[in-house]
Amino acid sequence: GGVDAAQMLGSTGNDNFYVNHTYTYLRGDSNAFLNYAKNFASVSSDVSGGAGLDRAYMYDSTGDEILIAGQIQATLDYDSTISSGVDVTAVGFDETSVYAVNGGNDVATLYGSDGNDRFTSRDVYGRMRGNDGGYIHYAEGFDVVTGDVSGTAGTDVAVLFDGPGNDRIETGESVTKLDFDAEPESNDFNLIADGFDQAYAYAIRGGNDAALMTGSN
């Protein structure tokens, strides 16, 4: 019982952080040690004080999850419509891979940096390669993935690919939005690229795809 919290600290070696809905564990210092936590209300892992190549792997639950990932940290809120607050926080990891494979309505926002960022997205995943590759965030299986570099510096590029169905893209001066298997007049966009200097969209997988491109003021 109670509202229990766990914090796991990394090492100067390579650290791997694994996250599921009910348990997490950290393999640290190139597998020299293992720390395991089960049924905690919140867990954080901080490797920002160490070196090495550090990776985090997170998996969703059957509920509705919210992922927010930026240059410094990634947070995953489990069952976001039921319980408020962040359940898992990963700080200082070079690569974060998050998988929404267990159902629910899952949403991810991947933020850029003041360096050069590249957002690549398809119907199954979105990936932000931030700060010239200084960090990578990968989100797979989410219903909505947003790449957001608004308000940052650098030269930022977004590359979006269609799915096999009838897709619709809308793009303007600062925002590009892609709706997979689009219904007429629907606005349930699945991929959003916000604030990019350049945005490229490719319809290469079939279907009757439509694009609406609007100019600036």
N, C-alpha and C. Protein backbone atom coordinates (compact mmCIF):
# COMPACT_ATOMS: atom_id res chain seq x y z
N GLY A 1 0.81 -1.21 0.00
CA GLY A 1 0.00 0.00 0.00
C GLY A 1 0.84 1.25 0.00
N GLY A 2 0.16 2.39 0.07
CA GLY A 2 0.86 3.67 0.05
C GLY A 2 1.18 4.13 -1.35
N VAL A 3 1.71 5.34 -1.43
CA VAL A 3 2.16 5.91 -2.71
C VAL A 3 3.68 5.86 -2.70
N ASP A 4 4.23 4.83 -3.31
CA ASP A 4 5.66 4.54 -3.21
C ASP A 4 6.40 5.04 -4.45
N ALA A 5 7.61 5.54 -4.23
CA ALA A 5 8.44 6.06 -5.31
C ALA A 5 9.82 5.43 -5.25
N ALA A 6 10.40 5.21 -6.42
CA ALA A 6 11.75 4.65 -6.52
C ALA A 6 12.59 5.50 -7.45
N GLN A 7 13.87 5.68 -7.09
CA GLN A 7 14.81 6.37 -7.96
C GLN A 7 16.01 5.47 -8.20
N MET A 8 16.37 5.32 -9.47
CA MET A 8 17.51 4.50 -9.85
C MET A 8 18.55 5.38 -10.52
N LEU A 9 19.79 5.29 -10.06
CA LEU A 9 20.87 6.11 -10.59
C LEU A 9 21.78 5.27 -11.48
N GLY A 10 22.24 5.89 -12.55
CA GLY A 10 23.10 5.19 -13.49
C GLY A 10 24.56 5.21 -13.07
N SER A 11 25.40 4.76 -14.00
CA SER A 11 26.83 4.61 -13.72
C SER A 11 27.63 5.36 -14.78
N THR A 12 28.94 5.20 -14.72
CA THR A 12 29.81 5.78 -15.74
C THR A 12 29.94 4.88 -16.96
N GLY A 13 29.32 3.69 -16.90
CA GLY A 13 29.34 2.78 -18.04
C GLY A 13 28.05 2.88 -18.84
N ASN A 14 27.77 1.83 -19.60
CA ASN A 14 26.55 1.78 -20.40
C ASN A 14 25.39 1.28 -19.54
N ASP A 15 24.31 2.05 -19.49
CA ASP A 15 23.15 1.72 -18.67
C ASP A 15 21.93 1.50 -19.56
N ASN A 16 21.14 0.46 -19.23
CA ASN A 16 19.89 0.17 -19.94
C ASN A 16 18.74 0.12 -18.94
N PHE A 17 17.71 0.91 -19.20
CA PHE A 17 16.56 1.05 -18.32
C PHE A 17 15.35 0.44 -19.01
N TYR A 18 14.71 -0.55 -18.35
CA TYR A 18 13.57 -1.26 -18.92
C TYR A 18 12.32 -0.97 -18.09
N VAL A 19 11.22 -0.62 -18.79
CA VAL A 19 10.02 -0.17 -18.10
C VAL A 19 8.80 -0.93 -18.61
N ASN A 20 8.04 -1.51 -17.69
CA ASN A 20 6.72 -2.04 -17.94
C ASN A 20 5.74 -1.40 -16.96
N HIS A 21 4.46 -1.73 -17.12
CA HIS A 21 3.45 -1.06 -16.31
C HIS A 21 3.61 -1.34 -14.82
N THR A 22 4.03 -2.53 -14.45
CA THR A 22 4.10 -2.89 -13.04
C THR A 22 5.53 -3.03 -12.51
N TYR A 23 6.51 -3.08 -13.38
CA TYR A 23 7.88 -3.22 -12.88
C TYR A 23 8.87 -2.52 -13.80
N THR A 24 10.02 -2.19 -13.25
CA THR A 24 11.11 -1.59 -14.00
C THR A 24 12.42 -2.17 -13.48
N TYR A 25 13.44 -2.11 -14.32
CA TYR A 25 14.78 -2.46 -13.83
C TYR A 25 15.85 -1.74 -14.64
N LEU A 26 16.97 -1.54 -13.98
CA LEU A 26 18.12 -0.86 -14.57
C LEU A 26 19.31 -1.80 -14.56
N ARG A 27 19.81 -2.09 -15.74
CA ARG A 27 21.07 -2.83 -15.87
C ARG A 27 22.18 -1.79 -16.05
N GLY A 28 23.03 -1.66 -15.05
CA GLY A 28 24.01 -0.59 -15.05
C GLY A 28 25.44 -1.03 -15.24
N ASP A 29 26.23 -0.06 -15.66
CA ASP A 29 27.67 -0.27 -15.81
C ASP A 29 27.97 -1.49 -16.67
N SER A 30 27.38 -1.50 -17.88
CA SER A 30 27.57 -2.59 -18.83
C SER A 30 27.22 -3.95 -18.22
N ASN A 31 26.04 -3.97 -17.54
CA ASN A 31 25.47 -5.18 -16.90
C ASN A 31 26.20 -5.62 -15.64
N ALA A 32 27.02 -4.75 -15.06
CA ALA A 32 27.73 -5.11 -13.83
C ALA A 32 26.77 -5.18 -12.63
N PHE A 33 25.65 -4.44 -12.68
CA PHE A 33 24.68 -4.52 -11.60
C PHE A 33 23.26 -4.40 -12.15
N LEU A 34 22.30 -4.87 -11.36
CA LEU A 34 20.89 -4.83 -11.75
C LEU A 34 20.07 -4.33 -10.56
N ASN A 35 19.23 -3.32 -10.80
CA ASN A 35 18.28 -2.84 -9.80
C ASN A 35 16.87 -3.02 -10.34
N TYR A 36 15.98 -3.59 -9.50
CA TYR A 36 14.64 -3.99 -9.93
C TYR A 36 13.61 -3.40 -8.97
N ALA A 37 12.53 -2.83 -9.51
CA ALA A 37 11.46 -2.27 -8.68
C ALA A 37 10.12 -2.72 -9.24
N LYS A 38 9.22 -3.19 -8.35
CA LYS A 38 7.92 -3.67 -8.78
C LYS A 38 6.81 -2.99 -7.97
N ASN A 39 5.75 -2.61 -8.69
CA ASN A 39 4.52 -2.05 -8.11
C ASN A 39 4.70 -0.70 -7.43
N PHE A 40 5.74 0.03 -7.77
CA PHE A 40 5.89 1.39 -7.26
C PHE A 40 4.97 2.34 -8.04
N ALA A 41 4.46 3.34 -7.34
CA ALA A 41 3.56 4.30 -7.99
C ALA A 41 4.31 5.15 -9.01
N SER A 42 5.57 5.45 -8.74
CA SER A 42 6.39 6.22 -9.69
C SER A 42 7.82 5.76 -9.61
N VAL A 43 8.49 5.78 -10.74
CA VAL A 43 9.89 5.37 -10.83
C VAL A 43 10.64 6.38 -11.70
N SER A 44 11.82 6.78 -11.28
CA SER A 44 12.68 7.61 -12.10
C SER A 44 14.06 6.99 -12.18
N SER A 45 14.69 7.16 -13.34
CA SER A 45 16.06 6.71 -13.53
C SER A 45 16.86 7.86 -14.10
N ASP A 46 17.95 8.19 -13.43
CA ASP A 46 18.77 9.35 -13.81
C ASP A 46 20.18 8.89 -14.12
N VAL A 47 20.58 9.05 -15.38
CA VAL A 47 21.95 8.69 -15.79
C VAL A 47 22.72 9.92 -16.25
N SER A 48 22.19 11.11 -15.96
CA SER A 48 22.79 12.34 -16.48
C SER A 48 24.18 12.60 -15.90
N GLY A 49 24.49 12.02 -14.77
CA GLY A 49 25.80 12.25 -14.17
C GLY A 49 26.88 11.30 -14.63
N GLY A 50 26.54 10.37 -15.52
CA GLY A 50 27.52 9.37 -15.95
C GLY A 50 27.91 9.52 -17.40
N ALA A 51 28.66 8.55 -17.88
CA ALA A 51 29.09 8.52 -19.28
C ALA A 51 28.51 7.27 -19.93
N GLY A 52 29.12 6.81 -20.99
CA GLY A 52 28.64 5.61 -21.66
C GLY A 52 27.47 5.89 -22.57
N LEU A 53 26.99 4.83 -23.23
CA LEU A 53 25.82 4.91 -24.10
C LEU A 53 24.63 4.36 -23.33
N ASP A 54 23.69 5.21 -23.00
CA ASP A 54 22.57 4.86 -22.12
C ASP A 54 21.27 4.82 -22.92
N ARG A 55 20.51 3.73 -22.71
CA ARG A 55 19.27 3.52 -23.46
C ARG A 55 18.13 3.19 -22.51
N ALA A 56 16.94 3.69 -22.85
CA ALA A 56 15.73 3.38 -22.09
C ALA A 56 14.71 2.73 -23.02
N TYR A 57 14.05 1.68 -22.52
CA TYR A 57 13.02 0.96 -23.28
C TYR A 57 11.74 0.93 -22.43
N MET A 58 10.65 1.47 -22.96
CA MET A 58 9.42 1.55 -22.20
C MET A 58 8.27 0.90 -22.98
N TYR A 59 7.36 0.26 -22.23
CA TYR A 59 6.19 -0.37 -22.83
C TYR A 59 4.92 0.13 -22.14
N ASP A 60 3.87 0.28 -22.93
CA ASP A 60 2.62 0.82 -22.41
C ASP A 60 1.81 -0.24 -21.67
N SER A 61 0.66 0.20 -21.15
CA SER A 61 -0.31 -0.70 -20.54
C SER A 61 -1.53 -0.78 -21.47
N THR A 62 -2.62 -1.36 -20.98
CA THR A 62 -3.86 -1.42 -21.77
C THR A 62 -4.64 -0.11 -21.69
N GLY A 63 -4.19 0.84 -20.88
CA GLY A 63 -4.88 2.12 -20.74
C GLY A 63 -4.38 3.16 -21.72
N ASP A 64 -4.70 4.41 -21.41
CA ASP A 64 -4.33 5.54 -22.26
C ASP A 64 -3.05 6.17 -21.71
N GLU A 65 -1.99 6.17 -22.51
CA GLU A 65 -0.71 6.70 -22.06
C GLU A 65 -0.37 8.01 -22.76
N ILE A 66 0.41 8.83 -22.06
CA ILE A 66 0.95 10.07 -22.62
C ILE A 66 2.47 10.03 -22.47
N LEU A 67 3.17 10.16 -23.58
CA LEU A 67 4.62 10.24 -23.59
C LEU A 67 5.04 11.66 -23.95
N ILE A 68 5.93 12.22 -23.14
CA ILE A 68 6.53 13.52 -23.43
C ILE A 68 8.04 13.35 -23.33
N ALA A 69 8.74 13.60 -24.45
CA ALA A 69 10.18 13.35 -24.49
C ALA A 69 10.90 14.55 -25.08
N GLY A 70 11.94 15.00 -24.38
CA GLY A 70 12.73 16.13 -24.85
C GLY A 70 14.21 15.85 -24.71
N GLN A 71 15.00 16.91 -24.80
CA GLN A 71 16.44 16.74 -24.81
C GLN A 71 16.98 16.21 -23.48
N ILE A 72 16.35 16.58 -22.38
CA ILE A 72 16.86 16.22 -21.07
C ILE A 72 16.23 14.94 -20.53
N GLN A 73 14.92 14.78 -20.73
CA GLN A 73 14.25 13.64 -20.13
C GLN A 73 13.03 13.22 -20.94
N ALA A 74 12.58 11.99 -20.65
CA ALA A 74 11.35 11.45 -21.22
C ALA A 74 10.46 11.00 -20.06
N THR A 75 9.17 11.31 -20.15
CA THR A 75 8.22 10.93 -19.12
C THR A 75 7.07 10.15 -19.75
N LEU A 76 6.63 9.11 -19.06
CA LEU A 76 5.51 8.29 -19.51
C LEU A 76 4.47 8.25 -18.41
N ASP A 77 3.26 8.73 -18.74
CA ASP A 77 2.15 8.76 -17.80
C ASP A 77 1.21 7.61 -18.14
N TYR A 78 1.17 6.61 -17.25
CA TYR A 78 0.29 5.46 -17.46
C TYR A 78 -1.15 5.80 -17.06
N ASP A 79 -2.11 5.23 -17.80
CA ASP A 79 -3.53 5.41 -17.49
C ASP A 79 -3.83 6.89 -17.24
N SER A 80 -3.48 7.73 -18.20
CA SER A 80 -3.49 9.17 -17.99
C SER A 80 -4.89 9.72 -17.74
N THR A 81 -5.92 9.06 -18.24
CA THR A 81 -7.28 9.56 -18.02
C THR A 81 -7.84 9.15 -16.67
N ILE A 82 -7.15 8.24 -15.99
CA ILE A 82 -7.61 7.75 -14.68
C ILE A 82 -6.80 8.37 -13.55
N SER A 83 -5.49 8.33 -13.67
CA SER A 83 -4.61 8.85 -12.61
C SER A 83 -3.72 9.92 -13.20
N SER A 84 -3.71 11.07 -12.56
CA SER A 84 -2.88 12.17 -13.04
C SER A 84 -1.43 11.99 -12.57
N GLY A 85 -0.53 12.73 -13.22
CA GLY A 85 0.87 12.67 -12.82
C GLY A 85 1.68 11.72 -13.69
N VAL A 86 2.99 11.79 -13.54
CA VAL A 86 3.91 11.00 -14.35
C VAL A 86 4.35 9.78 -13.57
N ASP A 87 4.26 8.62 -14.18
CA ASP A 87 4.62 7.39 -13.49
C ASP A 87 6.09 7.03 -13.67
N VAL A 88 6.65 7.29 -14.87
CA VAL A 88 8.04 6.91 -15.14
C VAL A 88 8.76 8.10 -15.77
N THR A 89 9.97 8.37 -15.26
CA THR A 89 10.80 9.44 -15.80
C THR A 89 12.19 8.89 -16.08
N ALA A 90 12.68 9.13 -17.29
CA ALA A 90 14.03 8.73 -17.68
C ALA A 90 14.83 9.98 -18.01
N VAL A 91 15.90 10.23 -17.24
CA VAL A 91 16.66 11.46 -17.35
C VAL A 91 18.06 11.17 -17.89
N GLY A 92 18.44 11.91 -18.94
CA GLY A 92 19.81 11.87 -19.42
C GLY A 92 20.16 10.73 -20.35
N PHE A 93 19.17 10.01 -20.87
CA PHE A 93 19.46 8.86 -21.74
C PHE A 93 19.75 9.33 -23.17
N ASP A 94 20.68 8.64 -23.81
CA ASP A 94 21.03 8.95 -25.19
C ASP A 94 19.93 8.52 -26.15
N GLU A 95 19.31 7.39 -25.86
CA GLU A 95 18.25 6.86 -26.71
C GLU A 95 17.09 6.39 -25.85
N THR A 96 15.89 6.76 -26.25
CA THR A 96 14.68 6.30 -25.58
C THR A 96 13.74 5.70 -26.60
N SER A 97 13.33 4.45 -26.39
CA SER A 97 12.41 3.76 -27.30
C SER A 97 11.16 3.38 -26.50
N VAL A 98 9.99 3.84 -26.97
CA VAL A 98 8.75 3.62 -26.24
C VAL A 98 7.76 2.94 -27.18
N TYR A 99 7.14 1.85 -26.69
CA TYR A 99 6.28 1.01 -27.51
C TYR A 99 4.86 1.00 -26.95
N ALA A 100 3.90 1.42 -27.76
CA ALA A 100 2.48 1.37 -27.41
C ALA A 100 1.87 0.20 -28.15
N VAL A 101 1.89 -0.97 -27.51
CA VAL A 101 1.51 -2.21 -28.19
C VAL A 101 0.39 -2.95 -27.47
N ASN A 102 -0.12 -2.38 -26.37
CA ASN A 102 -1.10 -3.09 -25.55
C ASN A 102 -2.48 -2.46 -25.55
N GLY A 103 -2.74 -1.57 -26.49
CA GLY A 103 -4.07 -0.97 -26.59
C GLY A 103 -4.16 0.37 -25.91
N GLY A 104 -5.38 0.93 -25.90
CA GLY A 104 -5.59 2.25 -25.34
C GLY A 104 -5.40 3.34 -26.39
N ASN A 105 -5.68 4.56 -26.01
CA ASN A 105 -5.49 5.72 -26.87
C ASN A 105 -4.23 6.44 -26.42
N ASP A 106 -3.13 6.20 -27.10
CA ASP A 106 -1.82 6.64 -26.65
C ASP A 106 -1.31 7.80 -27.50
N VAL A 107 -0.73 8.79 -26.83
CA VAL A 107 -0.30 10.02 -27.49
C VAL A 107 1.15 10.31 -27.10
N ALA A 108 1.96 10.70 -28.09
CA ALA A 108 3.37 11.01 -27.84
C ALA A 108 3.72 12.37 -28.41
N THR A 109 4.51 13.13 -27.65
CA THR A 109 5.07 14.39 -28.13
C THR A 109 6.58 14.33 -27.97
N LEU A 110 7.29 14.50 -29.09
CA LEU A 110 8.75 14.45 -29.11
C LEU A 110 9.27 15.85 -29.40
N TYR A 111 10.03 16.41 -28.47
CA TYR A 111 10.50 17.78 -28.60
C TYR A 111 11.93 17.84 -29.14
N GLY A 112 12.20 18.91 -29.87
CA GLY A 112 13.52 19.13 -30.41
C GLY A 112 14.40 19.96 -29.49
N SER A 113 15.54 20.39 -30.03
CA SER A 113 16.56 21.10 -29.25
C SER A 113 16.89 22.41 -29.95
N ASP A 114 17.89 23.11 -29.42
CA ASP A 114 18.39 24.30 -30.08
C ASP A 114 19.45 23.97 -31.13
N GLY A 115 19.71 22.69 -31.34
CA GLY A 115 20.57 22.25 -32.43
C GLY A 115 19.76 21.87 -33.64
N ASN A 116 20.35 21.11 -34.54
CA ASN A 116 19.66 20.63 -35.74
C ASN A 116 18.91 19.34 -35.41
N ASP A 117 17.60 19.35 -35.66
CA ASP A 117 16.75 18.21 -35.32
C ASP A 117 16.12 17.63 -36.59
N ARG A 118 15.88 16.32 -36.56
CA ARG A 118 15.25 15.64 -37.68
C ARG A 118 14.15 14.72 -37.15
N PHE A 119 12.94 14.95 -37.62
CA PHE A 119 11.78 14.16 -37.22
C PHE A 119 11.36 13.29 -38.40
N THR A 120 11.41 11.97 -38.22
CA THR A 120 11.03 11.01 -39.26
C THR A 120 9.84 10.21 -38.75
N SER A 121 8.80 10.09 -39.56
CA SER A 121 7.58 9.44 -39.05
C SER A 121 6.90 8.64 -40.15
N ARG A 122 6.33 7.52 -39.74
CA ARG A 122 5.54 6.64 -40.59
C ARG A 122 4.25 6.27 -39.86
N ASP A 123 3.47 5.38 -40.46
CA ASP A 123 2.20 5.01 -39.83
C ASP A 123 2.40 4.17 -38.57
N VAL A 124 3.58 3.65 -38.35
CA VAL A 124 3.82 2.82 -37.16
C VAL A 124 4.75 3.47 -36.14
N TYR A 125 5.47 4.52 -36.50
CA TYR A 125 6.39 5.11 -35.53
C TYR A 125 6.70 6.56 -35.88
N GLY A 126 7.23 7.26 -34.88
CA GLY A 126 7.82 8.58 -35.05
C GLY A 126 9.15 8.61 -34.34
N ARG A 127 10.15 9.29 -34.91
CA ARG A 127 11.48 9.34 -34.31
C ARG A 127 12.03 10.76 -34.39
N MET A 128 12.50 11.24 -33.26
CA MET A 128 13.17 12.54 -33.22
C MET A 128 14.66 12.32 -32.98
N ARG A 129 15.44 12.75 -33.94
CA ARG A 129 16.90 12.73 -33.80
C ARG A 129 17.32 14.15 -33.47
N GLY A 130 17.56 14.40 -32.19
CA GLY A 130 17.73 15.76 -31.73
C GLY A 130 19.17 16.17 -31.54
N ASN A 131 19.39 17.48 -31.67
CA ASN A 131 20.70 18.07 -31.39
C ASN A 131 21.81 17.38 -32.17
N ASP A 132 21.59 17.25 -33.49
CA ASP A 132 22.58 16.62 -34.38
C ASP A 132 22.91 15.19 -33.95
N GLY A 133 21.92 14.48 -33.46
CA GLY A 133 22.13 13.09 -33.04
C GLY A 133 22.57 12.95 -31.60
N GLY A 134 22.56 14.05 -30.84
CA GLY A 134 22.93 13.98 -29.44
C GLY A 134 21.99 13.12 -28.62
N TYR A 135 20.75 13.01 -29.07
CA TYR A 135 19.78 12.11 -28.45
C TYR A 135 18.78 11.65 -29.50
N ILE A 136 18.15 10.50 -29.24
CA ILE A 136 17.14 9.95 -30.15
C ILE A 136 15.95 9.49 -29.31
N HIS A 137 14.76 9.94 -29.70
CA HIS A 137 13.52 9.45 -29.10
C HIS A 137 12.71 8.75 -30.18
N TYR A 138 12.23 7.55 -29.85
CA TYR A 138 11.50 6.71 -30.80
C TYR A 138 10.18 6.30 -30.16
N ALA A 139 9.07 6.53 -30.85
CA ALA A 139 7.75 6.17 -30.35
C ALA A 139 7.05 5.30 -31.39
N GLU A 140 6.70 4.07 -31.00
CA GLU A 140 6.09 3.12 -31.93
C GLU A 140 4.69 2.74 -31.45
N GLY A 141 3.73 2.72 -32.39
CA GLY A 141 2.40 2.24 -32.10
C GLY A 141 1.47 3.26 -31.47
N PHE A 142 1.88 4.50 -31.33
CA PHE A 142 1.05 5.52 -30.73
C PHE A 142 -0.02 6.00 -31.72
N ASP A 143 -1.18 6.35 -31.20
CA ASP A 143 -2.25 6.84 -32.06
C ASP A 143 -1.93 8.20 -32.65
N VAL A 144 -1.28 9.03 -31.87
CA VAL A 144 -0.87 10.36 -32.34
C VAL A 144 0.57 10.59 -31.91
N VAL A 145 1.41 11.02 -32.87
CA VAL A 145 2.80 11.38 -32.57
C VAL A 145 3.04 12.79 -33.10
N THR A 146 3.54 13.66 -32.23
CA THR A 146 3.85 15.03 -32.60
C THR A 146 5.34 15.27 -32.45
N GLY A 147 5.96 15.82 -33.48
CA GLY A 147 7.32 16.32 -33.39
C GLY A 147 7.26 17.83 -33.29
N ASP A 148 7.82 18.39 -32.22
CA ASP A 148 7.66 19.82 -31.93
C ASP A 148 9.02 20.48 -31.74
N VAL A 149 9.36 21.38 -32.65
CA VAL A 149 10.61 22.15 -32.52
C VAL A 149 10.31 23.64 -32.48
N SER A 150 9.06 24.00 -32.26
CA SER A 150 8.68 25.41 -32.23
C SER A 150 9.41 26.14 -31.11
N GLY A 151 9.94 27.31 -31.43
CA GLY A 151 10.66 28.09 -30.44
C GLY A 151 12.10 27.70 -30.25
N THR A 152 12.61 26.76 -31.04
CA THR A 152 14.00 26.35 -30.92
C THR A 152 14.82 26.90 -32.08
N ALA A 153 16.14 26.77 -31.98
CA ALA A 153 17.04 27.21 -33.03
C ALA A 153 17.46 26.02 -33.88
N GLY A 154 18.47 26.23 -34.72
CA GLY A 154 18.95 25.15 -35.58
C GLY A 154 18.15 25.04 -36.86
N THR A 155 18.61 24.15 -37.73
CA THR A 155 17.90 23.85 -38.97
C THR A 155 17.20 22.52 -38.79
N ASP A 156 15.88 22.55 -38.76
CA ASP A 156 15.08 21.38 -38.40
C ASP A 156 14.30 20.87 -39.61
N VAL A 157 14.31 19.54 -39.76
CA VAL A 157 13.70 18.90 -40.93
C VAL A 157 12.74 17.82 -40.47
N ALA A 158 11.55 17.79 -41.08
CA ALA A 158 10.56 16.73 -40.83
C ALA A 158 10.34 15.95 -42.12
N VAL A 159 10.31 14.62 -42.00
CA VAL A 159 10.06 13.73 -43.14
C VAL A 159 8.92 12.80 -42.76
N LEU A 160 7.80 12.88 -43.48
CA LEU A 160 6.61 12.09 -43.18
C LEU A 160 6.30 11.16 -44.34
N PHE A 161 5.93 9.92 -44.01
CA PHE A 161 5.56 8.93 -45.02
C PHE A 161 4.12 8.49 -44.81
N ASP A 162 3.46 8.17 -45.91
CA ASP A 162 2.06 7.74 -45.86
C ASP A 162 1.93 6.30 -45.41
N GLY A 163 0.69 5.86 -45.20
CA GLY A 163 0.38 4.47 -44.94
C GLY A 163 -0.22 3.82 -46.18
N PRO A 164 -0.68 2.58 -46.08
CA PRO A 164 -1.23 1.89 -47.26
C PRO A 164 -2.65 2.31 -47.61
N GLY A 165 -3.33 3.06 -46.74
CA GLY A 165 -4.71 3.46 -46.99
C GLY A 165 -4.80 4.81 -47.67
N ASN A 166 -5.99 5.40 -47.59
CA ASN A 166 -6.24 6.72 -48.16
C ASN A 166 -5.89 7.78 -47.12
N ASP A 167 -4.82 8.49 -47.36
CA ASP A 167 -4.29 9.43 -46.37
C ASP A 167 -4.48 10.86 -46.84
N ARG A 168 -4.51 11.76 -45.87
CA ARG A 168 -4.67 13.18 -46.16
C ARG A 168 -3.65 13.98 -45.38
N ILE A 169 -3.00 14.92 -46.06
CA ILE A 169 -2.01 15.76 -45.41
C ILE A 169 -2.42 17.22 -45.58
N GLU A 170 -2.23 17.99 -44.52
CA GLU A 170 -2.42 19.43 -44.55
C GLU A 170 -1.14 20.08 -44.06
N THR A 171 -0.63 21.03 -44.82
CA THR A 171 0.62 21.67 -44.45
C THR A 171 0.55 23.16 -44.70
N GLY A 172 1.09 23.92 -43.75
CA GLY A 172 1.11 25.36 -43.86
C GLY A 172 2.48 25.91 -43.53
N GLU A 173 2.51 27.16 -43.07
CA GLU A 173 3.78 27.83 -42.82
C GLU A 173 4.58 27.17 -41.71
N SER A 174 3.92 26.66 -40.68
CA SER A 174 4.65 26.15 -39.53
C SER A 174 4.25 24.75 -39.10
N VAL A 175 3.09 24.25 -39.54
CA VAL A 175 2.59 22.96 -39.07
C VAL A 175 2.23 22.07 -40.26
N THR A 176 2.65 20.80 -40.18
CA THR A 176 2.26 19.78 -41.16
C THR A 176 1.56 18.66 -40.41
N LYS A 177 0.38 18.23 -40.92
CA LYS A 177 -0.42 17.22 -40.24
C LYS A 177 -0.83 16.14 -41.23
N LEU A 178 -0.71 14.88 -40.80
CA LEU A 178 -1.02 13.75 -41.66
C LEU A 178 -2.04 12.86 -40.97
N ASP A 179 -3.11 12.55 -41.70
CA ASP A 179 -4.20 11.71 -41.20
C ASP A 179 -4.19 10.40 -41.99
N PHE A 180 -3.95 9.29 -41.30
CA PHE A 180 -3.95 7.99 -41.95
C PHE A 180 -5.40 7.48 -42.09
N ASP A 181 -5.66 6.78 -43.20
CA ASP A 181 -7.00 6.25 -43.47
C ASP A 181 -8.05 7.32 -43.22
N ALA A 182 -7.86 8.46 -43.86
CA ALA A 182 -8.66 9.64 -43.58
C ALA A 182 -10.09 9.49 -44.06
N GLU A 183 -11.01 9.91 -43.23
CA GLU A 183 -12.42 10.04 -43.61
C GLU A 183 -12.67 11.48 -44.05
N PRO A 184 -13.64 11.68 -44.92
CA PRO A 184 -13.94 13.04 -45.37
C PRO A 184 -14.25 13.96 -44.19
N GLU A 185 -13.63 15.12 -44.20
CA GLU A 185 -13.85 16.17 -43.19
C GLU A 185 -13.41 15.76 -41.78
N SER A 186 -12.68 14.69 -41.64
CA SER A 186 -12.21 14.30 -40.30
C SER A 186 -10.96 15.10 -39.96
N ASN A 187 -10.72 15.28 -38.67
CA ASN A 187 -9.56 16.03 -38.20
C ASN A 187 -8.78 15.25 -37.15
N ASP A 188 -8.85 13.93 -37.24
CA ASP A 188 -8.12 13.10 -36.27
C ASP A 188 -6.74 12.78 -36.82
N PHE A 189 -5.87 13.78 -36.80
CA PHE A 189 -4.55 13.63 -37.39
C PHE A 189 -3.68 12.73 -36.53
N ASN A 190 -2.88 11.89 -37.19
CA ASN A 190 -2.03 10.93 -36.51
C ASN A 190 -0.59 11.39 -36.35
N LEU A 191 -0.10 12.19 -37.30
CA LEU A 191 1.26 12.71 -37.25
C LEU A 191 1.21 14.23 -37.38
N ILE A 192 1.95 14.91 -36.50
CA ILE A 192 1.98 16.36 -36.52
C ILE A 192 3.44 16.81 -36.41
N ALA A 193 3.85 17.68 -37.32
CA ALA A 193 5.19 18.26 -37.29
C ALA A 193 5.04 19.77 -37.12
N ASP A 194 5.54 20.29 -36.00
CA ASP A 194 5.30 21.68 -35.64
C ASP A 194 6.61 22.45 -35.56
N GLY A 195 6.72 23.54 -36.35
CA GLY A 195 7.84 24.45 -36.24
C GLY A 195 9.06 24.11 -37.06
N PHE A 196 8.96 23.17 -37.97
CA PHE A 196 10.13 22.75 -38.74
C PHE A 196 10.41 23.72 -39.89
N ASP A 197 11.71 23.91 -40.17
CA ASP A 197 12.11 24.77 -41.29
C ASP A 197 11.77 24.12 -42.63
N GLN A 198 11.88 22.81 -42.68
CA GLN A 198 11.57 22.07 -43.90
C GLN A 198 10.72 20.85 -43.55
N ALA A 199 9.70 20.60 -44.35
CA ALA A 199 8.85 19.42 -44.15
C ALA A 199 8.65 18.73 -45.49
N TYR A 200 8.92 17.43 -45.52
CA TYR A 200 8.78 16.62 -46.73
C TYR A 200 7.77 15.51 -46.45
N ALA A 201 6.85 15.30 -47.38
CA ALA A 201 5.85 14.24 -47.22
C ALA A 201 5.84 13.38 -48.48
N TYR A 202 5.84 12.04 -48.29
CA TYR A 202 5.92 11.11 -49.40
C TYR A 202 4.75 10.14 -49.36
N ALA A 203 4.01 10.07 -50.47
CA ALA A 203 2.92 9.11 -50.63
C ALA A 203 3.42 8.02 -51.57
N ILE A 204 3.94 6.92 -51.00
CA ILE A 204 4.61 5.90 -51.80
C ILE A 204 4.05 4.51 -51.56
N ARG A 205 3.02 4.40 -50.70
CA ARG A 205 2.55 3.06 -50.31
C ARG A 205 1.15 2.75 -50.82
N GLY A 206 0.66 3.52 -51.77
CA GLY A 206 -0.65 3.23 -52.33
C GLY A 206 -1.76 4.02 -51.66
N GLY A 207 -2.98 3.74 -52.09
CA GLY A 207 -4.13 4.45 -51.58
C GLY A 207 -4.41 5.71 -52.38
N ASN A 208 -5.54 6.33 -52.10
CA ASN A 208 -5.94 7.58 -52.75
C ASN A 208 -5.61 8.72 -51.79
N ASP A 209 -4.43 9.28 -51.93
CA ASP A 209 -3.91 10.26 -50.98
C ASP A 209 -4.14 11.67 -51.48
N ALA A 210 -4.42 12.57 -50.54
CA ALA A 210 -4.69 13.97 -50.87
C ALA A 210 -3.84 14.88 -50.03
N ALA A 211 -3.42 16.01 -50.64
CA ALA A 211 -2.59 16.99 -49.94
C ALA A 211 -3.18 18.38 -50.12
N LEU A 212 -3.19 19.15 -49.03
CA LEU A 212 -3.60 20.55 -49.05
C LEU A 212 -2.43 21.37 -48.52
N MET A 213 -1.88 22.25 -49.35
CA MET A 213 -0.73 23.07 -48.97
C MET A 213 -1.17 24.53 -49.00
N THR A 214 -0.99 25.22 -47.88
CA THR A 214 -1.38 26.62 -47.79
C THR A 214 -0.16 27.48 -47.60
N GLY A 215 -0.21 28.71 -48.10
CA GLY A 215 0.90 29.63 -48.01
C GLY A 215 0.94 30.39 -46.70
N SER A 216 1.78 31.43 -46.66
CA SER A 216 1.98 32.21 -45.45
C SER A 216 1.23 33.53 -45.55
N ASN A 217 1.32 34.29 -44.48
CA ASN A 217 0.73 35.62 -44.48
C ASN A 217 1.65 36.64 -45.14
